[in-house]
Amino acid sequence: MDNNKLFPQKISCMLWFDNQAEEAVSFYTSLFPNAKAGQKTYYSADDHDTHYHPVKKLMTYDFVLDGHQFIALNG
């Protein structure tokens, strides 16, 4: 019996990068045959006082490796 069908993944691993999240997702997804890059989110001007990153800089990038969900974060 496939446990992934009974218990879908509820936790995603987040990998923290300084500025290399997009490159990391590209690299990791090139290594696995069933990998898929997903949605990107970007830092906004609304929260600039909190995060201090340039507006429209990549914040997170979702990806899947062999059925497991990950999030790359430019922190």
PDB file of N, CA and C in Angstrom:
ATOM      1  N   MET A   1       0.849  -1.186   0.000  1.00  0.00           N
ATOM      2  CA  MET A   1       0.000   0.000   0.000  1.00  0.00           C
ATOM      3  C   MET A   1       0.889   1.243   0.000  1.00  0.00           C
ATOM      4  N   ASP A   2       0.509   2.229  -0.773  1.00  0.00           N
ATOM      5  CA  ASP A   2       1.291   3.462  -0.902  1.00  0.00           C
ATOM      6  C   ASP A   2       0.907   4.427   0.214  1.00  0.00           C
ATOM      7  N   ASN A   3       1.817   4.642   1.174  1.00  0.00           N
ATOM      8  CA  ASN A   3       1.537   5.545   2.298  1.00  0.00           C
ATOM      9  C   ASN A   3       1.371   6.988   1.853  1.00  0.00           C
ATOM     10  N   ASN A   4       1.978   7.373   0.703  1.00  0.00           N
ATOM     11  CA  ASN A   4       1.823   8.748   0.215  1.00  0.00           C
ATOM     12  C   ASN A   4       0.376   9.050  -0.143  1.00  0.00           C
ATOM     13  N   LYS A   5      -0.364   8.051  -0.581  1.00  0.00           N
ATOM     14  CA  LYS A   5      -1.778   8.266  -0.897  1.00  0.00           C
ATOM     15  C   LYS A   5      -2.617   8.325   0.371  1.00  0.00           C
ATOM     16  N   LEU A   6      -2.243   7.543   1.376  1.00  0.00           N
ATOM     17  CA  LEU A   6      -2.973   7.553   2.637  1.00  0.00           C
ATOM     18  C   LEU A   6      -2.658   8.800   3.464  1.00  0.00           C
ATOM     19  N   PHE A   7      -1.397   9.180   3.471  1.00  0.00           N
ATOM     20  CA  PHE A   7      -0.941  10.296   4.287  1.00  0.00           C
ATOM     21  C   PHE A   7      -0.174  11.287   3.422  1.00  0.00           C
ATOM     22  N   PRO A   8      -0.867  12.175   2.724  1.00  0.00           N
ATOM     23  CA  PRO A   8      -0.158  13.140   1.876  1.00  0.00           C
ATOM     24  C   PRO A   8       0.812  13.978   2.712  1.00  0.00           C
ATOM     25  N   GLN A   9       1.870  14.390   2.086  1.00  0.00           N
ATOM     26  CA  GLN A   9       2.897  15.165   2.786  1.00  0.00           C
ATOM     27  C   GLN A   9       2.295  16.418   3.387  1.00  0.00           C
ATOM     28  N   LYS A  10       2.547  16.632   4.676  1.00  0.00           N
ATOM     29  CA  LYS A  10       2.003  17.795   5.372  1.00  0.00           C
ATOM     30  C   LYS A  10       3.096  18.772   5.783  1.00  0.00           C
ATOM     31  N   ILE A  11       4.343  18.361   5.663  1.00  0.00           N
ATOM     32  CA  ILE A  11       5.460  19.211   6.048  1.00  0.00           C
ATOM     33  C   ILE A  11       6.371  19.372   4.836  1.00  0.00           C
ATOM     34  N   SER A  12       6.783  20.600   4.588  1.00  0.00           N
ATOM     35  CA  SER A  12       7.730  20.876   3.514  1.00  0.00           C
ATOM     36  C   SER A  12       9.046  21.331   4.119  1.00  0.00           C
ATOM     37  N   CYS A  13      10.116  20.817   3.595  1.00  0.00           N
ATOM     38  CA  CYS A  13      11.448  21.216   4.042  1.00  0.00           C
ATOM     39  C   CYS A  13      11.802  22.553   3.406  1.00  0.00           C
ATOM     40  N   MET A  14      12.281  23.505   4.206  1.00  0.00           N
ATOM     41  CA  MET A  14      12.700  24.797   3.682  1.00  0.00           C
ATOM     42  C   MET A  14      14.219  24.883   3.740  1.00  0.00           C
ATOM     43  N   LEU A  15      14.806  25.190   2.597  1.00  0.00           N
ATOM     44  CA  LEU A  15      16.256  25.358   2.505  1.00  0.00           C
ATOM     45  C   LEU A  15      16.551  26.841   2.430  1.00  0.00           C
ATOM     46  N   TRP A  16      17.391  27.331   3.313  1.00  0.00           N
ATOM     47  CA  TRP A  16      17.694  28.763   3.423  1.00  0.00           C
ATOM     48  C   TRP A  16      18.965  29.083   2.647  1.00  0.00           C
ATOM     49  N   PHE A  17      18.880  30.087   1.788  1.00  0.00           N
ATOM     50  CA  PHE A  17      20.021  30.543   1.005  1.00  0.00           C
ATOM     51  C   PHE A  17      20.181  32.042   1.207  1.00  0.00           C
ATOM     52  N   ASP A  18      21.382  32.548   0.971  1.00  0.00           N
ATOM     53  CA  ASP A  18      21.586  33.992   1.029  1.00  0.00           C
ATOM     54  C   ASP A  18      20.989  34.646  -0.211  1.00  0.00           C
ATOM     55  N   ASN A  19      21.384  34.177  -1.377  1.00  0.00           N
ATOM     56  CA  ASN A  19      20.872  34.733  -2.634  1.00  0.00           C
ATOM     57  C   ASN A  19      20.833  33.695  -3.749  1.00  0.00           C
ATOM     58  N   GLN A  20      21.013  32.426  -3.429  1.00  0.00           N
ATOM     59  CA  GLN A  20      21.181  31.408  -4.450  1.00  0.00           C
ATOM     60  C   GLN A  20      19.998  30.458  -4.599  1.00  0.00           C
ATOM     61  N   ALA A  21      18.821  30.825  -4.134  1.00  0.00           N
ATOM     62  CA  ALA A  21      17.675  29.915  -4.158  1.00  0.00           C
ATOM     63  C   ALA A  21      17.326  29.473  -5.579  1.00  0.00           C
ATOM     64  N   GLU A  22      17.291  30.396  -6.508  1.00  0.00           N
ATOM     65  CA  GLU A  22      16.914  30.040  -7.881  1.00  0.00           C
ATOM     66  C   GLU A  22      17.950  29.096  -8.507  1.00  0.00           C
ATOM     67  N   GLU A  23      19.209  29.368  -8.284  1.00  0.00           N
ATOM     68  CA  GLU A  23      20.259  28.501  -8.805  1.00  0.00           C
ATOM     69  C   GLU A  23      20.194  27.121  -8.162  1.00  0.00           C
ATOM     70  N   ALA A  24      19.905  27.077  -6.873  1.00  0.00           N
ATOM     71  CA  ALA A  24      19.809  25.801  -6.163  1.00  0.00           C
ATOM     72  C   ALA A  24      18.651  24.964  -6.697  1.00  0.00           C
ATOM     73  N   VAL A  25      17.498  25.585  -6.906  1.00  0.00           N
ATOM     74  CA  VAL A  25      16.354  24.846  -7.444  1.00  0.00           C
ATOM     75  C   VAL A  25      16.693  24.310  -8.832  1.00  0.00           C
ATOM     76  N   SER A  26      17.321  25.098  -9.638  1.00  0.00           N
ATOM     77  CA  SER A  26      17.730  24.657 -10.969  1.00  0.00           C
ATOM     78  C   SER A  26      18.673  23.452 -10.876  1.00  0.00           C
ATOM     79  N   PHE A  27      19.625  23.524  -9.955  1.00  0.00           N
ATOM     80  CA  PHE A  27      20.583  22.434  -9.777  1.00  0.00           C
ATOM     81  C   PHE A  27      19.888  21.171  -9.270  1.00  0.00           C
ATOM     82  N   TYR A  28      19.114  21.287  -8.175  1.00  0.00           N
ATOM     83  CA  TYR A  28      18.469  20.111  -7.584  1.00  0.00           C
ATOM     84  C   TYR A  28      17.490  19.459  -8.553  1.00  0.00           C
ATOM     85  N   THR A  29      16.731  20.255  -9.278  1.00  0.00           N
ATOM     86  CA  THR A  29      15.757  19.670 -10.203  1.00  0.00           C
ATOM     87  C   THR A  29      16.449  19.018 -11.408  1.00  0.00           C
ATOM     88  N   SER A  30      17.692  19.393 -11.687  1.00  0.00           N
ATOM     89  CA  SER A  30      18.423  18.752 -12.780  1.00  0.00           C
ATOM     90  C   SER A  30      18.941  17.370 -12.373  1.00  0.00           C
ATOM     91  N   LEU A  31      19.005  17.082 -11.081  1.00  0.00           N
ATOM     92  CA  LEU A  31      19.551  15.819 -10.592  1.00  0.00           C
ATOM     93  C   LEU A  31      18.525  14.696 -10.526  1.00  0.00           C
ATOM     94  N   PHE A  32      17.253  15.024 -10.373  1.00  0.00           N
ATOM     95  CA  PHE A  32      16.210  14.027 -10.168  1.00  0.00           C
ATOM     96  C   PHE A  32      15.308  13.942 -11.399  1.00  0.00           C
ATOM     97  N   PRO A  33      15.054  12.731 -11.887  1.00  0.00           N
ATOM     98  CA  PRO A  33      14.239  12.597 -13.101  1.00  0.00           C
ATOM     99  C   PRO A  33      12.786  13.044 -12.916  1.00  0.00           C
ATOM    100  N   ASN A  34      12.234  12.913 -11.730  1.00  0.00           N
ATOM    101  CA  ASN A  34      10.831  13.290 -11.489  1.00  0.00           C
ATOM    102  C   ASN A  34      10.723  14.609 -10.737  1.00  0.00           C
ATOM    103  N   ALA A  35      11.652  15.513 -10.969  1.00  0.00           N
ATOM    104  CA  ALA A  35      11.666  16.802 -10.274  1.00  0.00           C
ATOM    105  C   ALA A  35      10.856  17.831 -11.043  1.00  0.00           C
ATOM    106  N   LYS A  36      10.344  18.798 -10.279  1.00  0.00           N
ATOM    107  CA  LYS A  36       9.545  19.852 -10.909  1.00  0.00           C
ATOM    108  C   LYS A  36       9.693  21.140 -10.113  1.00  0.00           C
ATOM    109  N   ALA A  37      10.025  22.216 -10.804  1.00  0.00           N
ATOM    110  CA  ALA A  37      10.059  23.536 -10.173  1.00  0.00           C
ATOM    111  C   ALA A  37       8.638  24.076 -10.145  1.00  0.00           C
ATOM    112  N   GLY A  38       8.324  24.843  -9.118  1.00  0.00           N
ATOM    113  CA  GLY A  38       6.956  25.332  -8.950  1.00  0.00           C
ATOM    114  C   GLY A  38       6.865  26.841  -8.888  1.00  0.00           C
ATOM    115  N   GLN A  39       6.072  27.295  -7.942  1.00  0.00           N
ATOM    116  CA  GLN A  39       5.725  28.709  -7.815  1.00  0.00           C
ATOM    117  C   GLN A  39       6.860  29.519  -7.183  1.00  0.00           C
ATOM    118  N   LYS A  40       7.012  30.743  -7.658  1.00  0.00           N
ATOM    119  CA  LYS A  40       7.963  31.692  -7.086  1.00  0.00           C
ATOM    120  C   LYS A  40       7.189  32.808  -6.394  1.00  0.00           C
ATOM    121  N   THR A  41       7.739  33.299  -5.273  1.00  0.00           N
ATOM    122  CA  THR A  41       7.196  34.501  -4.643  1.00  0.00           C
ATOM    123  C   THR A  41       8.341  35.511  -4.527  1.00  0.00           C
ATOM    124  N   TYR A  42       7.963  36.779  -4.449  1.00  0.00           N
ATOM    125  CA  TYR A  42       8.953  37.854  -4.460  1.00  0.00           C
ATOM    126  C   TYR A  42       8.732  38.789  -3.275  1.00  0.00           C
ATOM    127  N   TYR A  43       9.798  39.407  -2.809  1.00  0.00           N
ATOM    128  CA  TYR A  43       9.683  40.396  -1.743  1.00  0.00           C
ATOM    129  C   TYR A  43       8.917  41.605  -2.264  1.00  0.00           C
ATOM    130  N   SER A  44       8.085  42.163  -1.396  1.00  0.00           N
ATOM    131  CA  SER A  44       7.257  43.308  -1.796  1.00  0.00           C
ATOM    132  C   SER A  44       7.673  44.569  -1.036  1.00  0.00           C
ATOM    133  N   ALA A  45       7.200  45.682  -1.529  1.00  0.00           N
ATOM    134  CA  ALA A  45       7.466  46.967  -0.872  1.00  0.00           C
ATOM    135  C   ALA A  45       6.693  47.085   0.438  1.00  0.00           C
ATOM    136  N   ASP A  46       5.562  46.381   0.543  1.00  0.00           N
ATOM    137  CA  ASP A  46       4.710  46.486   1.729  1.00  0.00           C
ATOM    138  C   ASP A  46       5.437  46.096   3.015  1.00  0.00           C
ATOM    139  N   ASP A  47       6.310  45.108   2.937  1.00  0.00           N
ATOM    140  CA  ASP A  47       6.995  44.617   4.133  1.00  0.00           C
ATOM    141  C   ASP A  47       8.476  44.956   4.155  1.00  0.00           C
ATOM    142  N   HIS A  48       8.879  45.939   3.375  1.00  0.00           N
ATOM    143  CA  HIS A  48      10.301  46.261   3.264  1.00  0.00           C
ATOM    144  C   HIS A  48      10.921  46.623   4.619  1.00  0.00           C
ATOM    145  N   ASP A  49      10.172  47.233   5.511  1.00  0.00           N
ATOM    146  CA  ASP A  49      10.688  47.584   6.837  1.00  0.00           C
ATOM    147  C   ASP A  49      11.014  46.342   7.664  1.00  0.00           C
ATOM    148  N   THR A  50      10.430  45.215   7.307  1.00  0.00           N
ATOM    149  CA  THR A  50      10.649  43.968   8.032  1.00  0.00           C
ATOM    150  C   THR A  50      11.768  43.136   7.422  1.00  0.00           C
ATOM    151  N   HIS A  51      11.778  43.025   6.100  1.00  0.00           N
ATOM    152  CA  HIS A  51      12.720  42.094   5.467  1.00  0.00           C
ATOM    153  C   HIS A  51      13.962  42.758   4.884  1.00  0.00           C
ATOM    154  N   TYR A  52      13.929  44.026   4.573  1.00  0.00           N
ATOM    155  CA  TYR A  52      15.087  44.785   4.075  1.00  0.00           C
ATOM    156  C   TYR A  52      15.685  44.258   2.765  1.00  0.00           C
ATOM    157  N   HIS A  53      14.964  43.419   2.042  1.00  0.00           N
ATOM    158  CA  HIS A  53      15.442  42.924   0.747  1.00  0.00           C
ATOM    159  C   HIS A  53      14.927  43.833  -0.358  1.00  0.00           C
ATOM    160  N   PRO A  54      15.624  43.888  -1.474  1.00  0.00           N
ATOM    161  CA  PRO A  54      15.136  44.701  -2.593  1.00  0.00           C
ATOM    162  C   PRO A  54      13.761  44.223  -3.057  1.00  0.00           C
ATOM    163  N   VAL A  55      12.918  45.163  -3.417  1.00  0.00           N
ATOM    164  CA  VAL A  55      11.579  44.831  -3.905  1.00  0.00           C
ATOM    165  C   VAL A  55      11.714  44.022  -5.188  1.00  0.00           C
ATOM    166  N   LYS A  56      10.879  43.024  -5.315  1.00  0.00           N
ATOM    167  CA  LYS A  56      10.823  42.110  -6.468  1.00  0.00           C
ATOM    168  C   LYS A  56      11.994  41.130  -6.528  1.00  0.00           C
ATOM    169  N   LYS A  57      12.780  41.040  -5.450  1.00  0.00           N
ATOM    170  CA  LYS A  57      13.807  40.009  -5.363  1.00  0.00           C
ATOM    171  C   LYS A  57      13.113  38.690  -5.033  1.00  0.00           C
ATOM    172  N   LEU A  58      13.591  37.585  -5.599  1.00  0.00           N
ATOM    173  CA  LEU A  58      13.008  36.272  -5.325  1.00  0.00           C
ATOM    174  C   LEU A  58      13.060  35.983  -3.830  1.00  0.00           C
ATOM    175  N   MET A  59      11.915  35.635  -3.248  1.00  0.00           N
ATOM    176  CA  MET A  59      11.856  35.276  -1.842  1.00  0.00           C
ATOM    177  C   MET A  59      11.829  33.750  -1.697  1.00  0.00           C
ATOM    178  N   THR A  60      10.836  33.077  -2.285  1.00  0.00           N
ATOM    179  CA  THR A  60      10.743  31.627  -2.176  1.00  0.00           C
ATOM    180  C   THR A  60      10.521  31.011  -3.548  1.00  0.00           C
ATOM    181  N   TYR A  61      10.908  29.759  -3.651  1.00  0.00           N
ATOM    182  CA  TYR A  61      10.749  28.999  -4.888  1.00  0.00           C
ATOM    183  C   TYR A  61      10.412  27.571  -4.477  1.00  0.00           C
ATOM    184  N   ASP A  62       9.201  27.143  -4.782  1.00  0.00           N
ATOM    185  CA  ASP A  62       8.747  25.791  -4.443  1.00  0.00           C
ATOM    186  C   ASP A  62       9.253  24.805  -5.488  1.00  0.00           C
ATOM    187  N   PHE A  63       9.587  23.602  -5.034  1.00  0.00           N
ATOM    188  CA  PHE A  63       9.964  22.555  -5.979  1.00  0.00           C
ATOM    189  C   PHE A  63       9.710  21.185  -5.377  1.00  0.00           C
ATOM    190  N   VAL A  64       9.646  20.186  -6.235  1.00  0.00           N
ATOM    191  CA  VAL A  64       9.352  18.813  -5.824  1.00  0.00           C
ATOM    192  C   VAL A  64      10.465  17.917  -6.338  1.00  0.00           C
ATOM    193  N   LEU A  65      10.982  17.078  -5.444  1.00  0.00           N
ATOM    194  CA  LEU A  65      11.997  16.084  -5.801  1.00  0.00           C
ATOM    195  C   LEU A  65      11.471  14.719  -5.415  1.00  0.00           C
ATOM    196  N   ASP A  66      11.277  13.881  -6.396  1.00  0.00           N
ATOM    197  CA  ASP A  66      10.810  12.509  -6.149  1.00  0.00           C
ATOM    198  C   ASP A  66       9.570  12.474  -5.257  1.00  0.00           C
ATOM    199  N   GLY A  67       8.642  13.390  -5.490  1.00  0.00           N
ATOM    200  CA  GLY A  67       7.391  13.412  -4.751  1.00  0.00           C
ATOM    201  C   GLY A  67       7.431  14.165  -3.425  1.00  0.00           C
ATOM    202  N   HIS A  68       8.580  14.694  -3.038  1.00  0.00           N
ATOM    203  CA  HIS A  68       8.702  15.423  -1.775  1.00  0.00           C
ATOM    204  C   HIS A  68       8.797  16.920  -2.048  1.00  0.00           C
ATOM    205  N   GLN A  69       8.013  17.677  -1.305  1.00  0.00           N
ATOM    206  CA  GLN A  69       7.965  19.131  -1.506  1.00  0.00           C
ATOM    207  C   GLN A  69       9.061  19.828  -0.716  1.00  0.00           C
ATOM    208  N   PHE A  70       9.657  20.826  -1.357  1.00  0.00           N
ATOM    209  CA  PHE A  70      10.689  21.653  -0.741  1.00  0.00           C
ATOM    210  C   PHE A  70      10.389  23.125  -1.058  1.00  0.00           C
ATOM    211  N   ILE A  71      10.952  23.996  -0.240  1.00  0.00           N
ATOM    212  CA  ILE A  71      10.874  25.429  -0.486  1.00  0.00           C
ATOM    213  C   ILE A  71      12.286  25.989  -0.341  1.00  0.00           C
ATOM    214  N   ALA A  72      12.742  26.689  -1.359  1.00  0.00           N
ATOM    215  CA  ALA A  72      14.021  27.386  -1.280  1.00  0.00           C
ATOM    216  C   ALA A  72      13.727  28.836  -0.910  1.00  0.00           C
ATOM    217  N   LEU A  73      14.422  29.365   0.088  1.00  0.00           N
ATOM    218  CA  LEU A  73      14.203  30.706   0.584  1.00  0.00           C
ATOM    219  C   LEU A  73      15.469  31.525   0.461  1.00  0.00           C
ATOM    220  N   ASN A  74      15.370  32.699  -0.160  1.00  0.00           N
ATOM    221  CA  ASN A  74      16.458  33.674  -0.108  1.00  0.00           C
ATOM    222  C   ASN A  74      16.225  34.503   1.146  1.00  0.00           C
ATOM    223  N   GLY A  75      16.957  34.190   2.213  1.00  0.00           N
ATOM    224  CA  GLY A  75      16.696  34.785   3.505  1.00  0.00           C
ATOM    225  C   GLY A  75      17.505  35.963   3.864  1.00  0.00           C
TER     226      GLY A  75
END
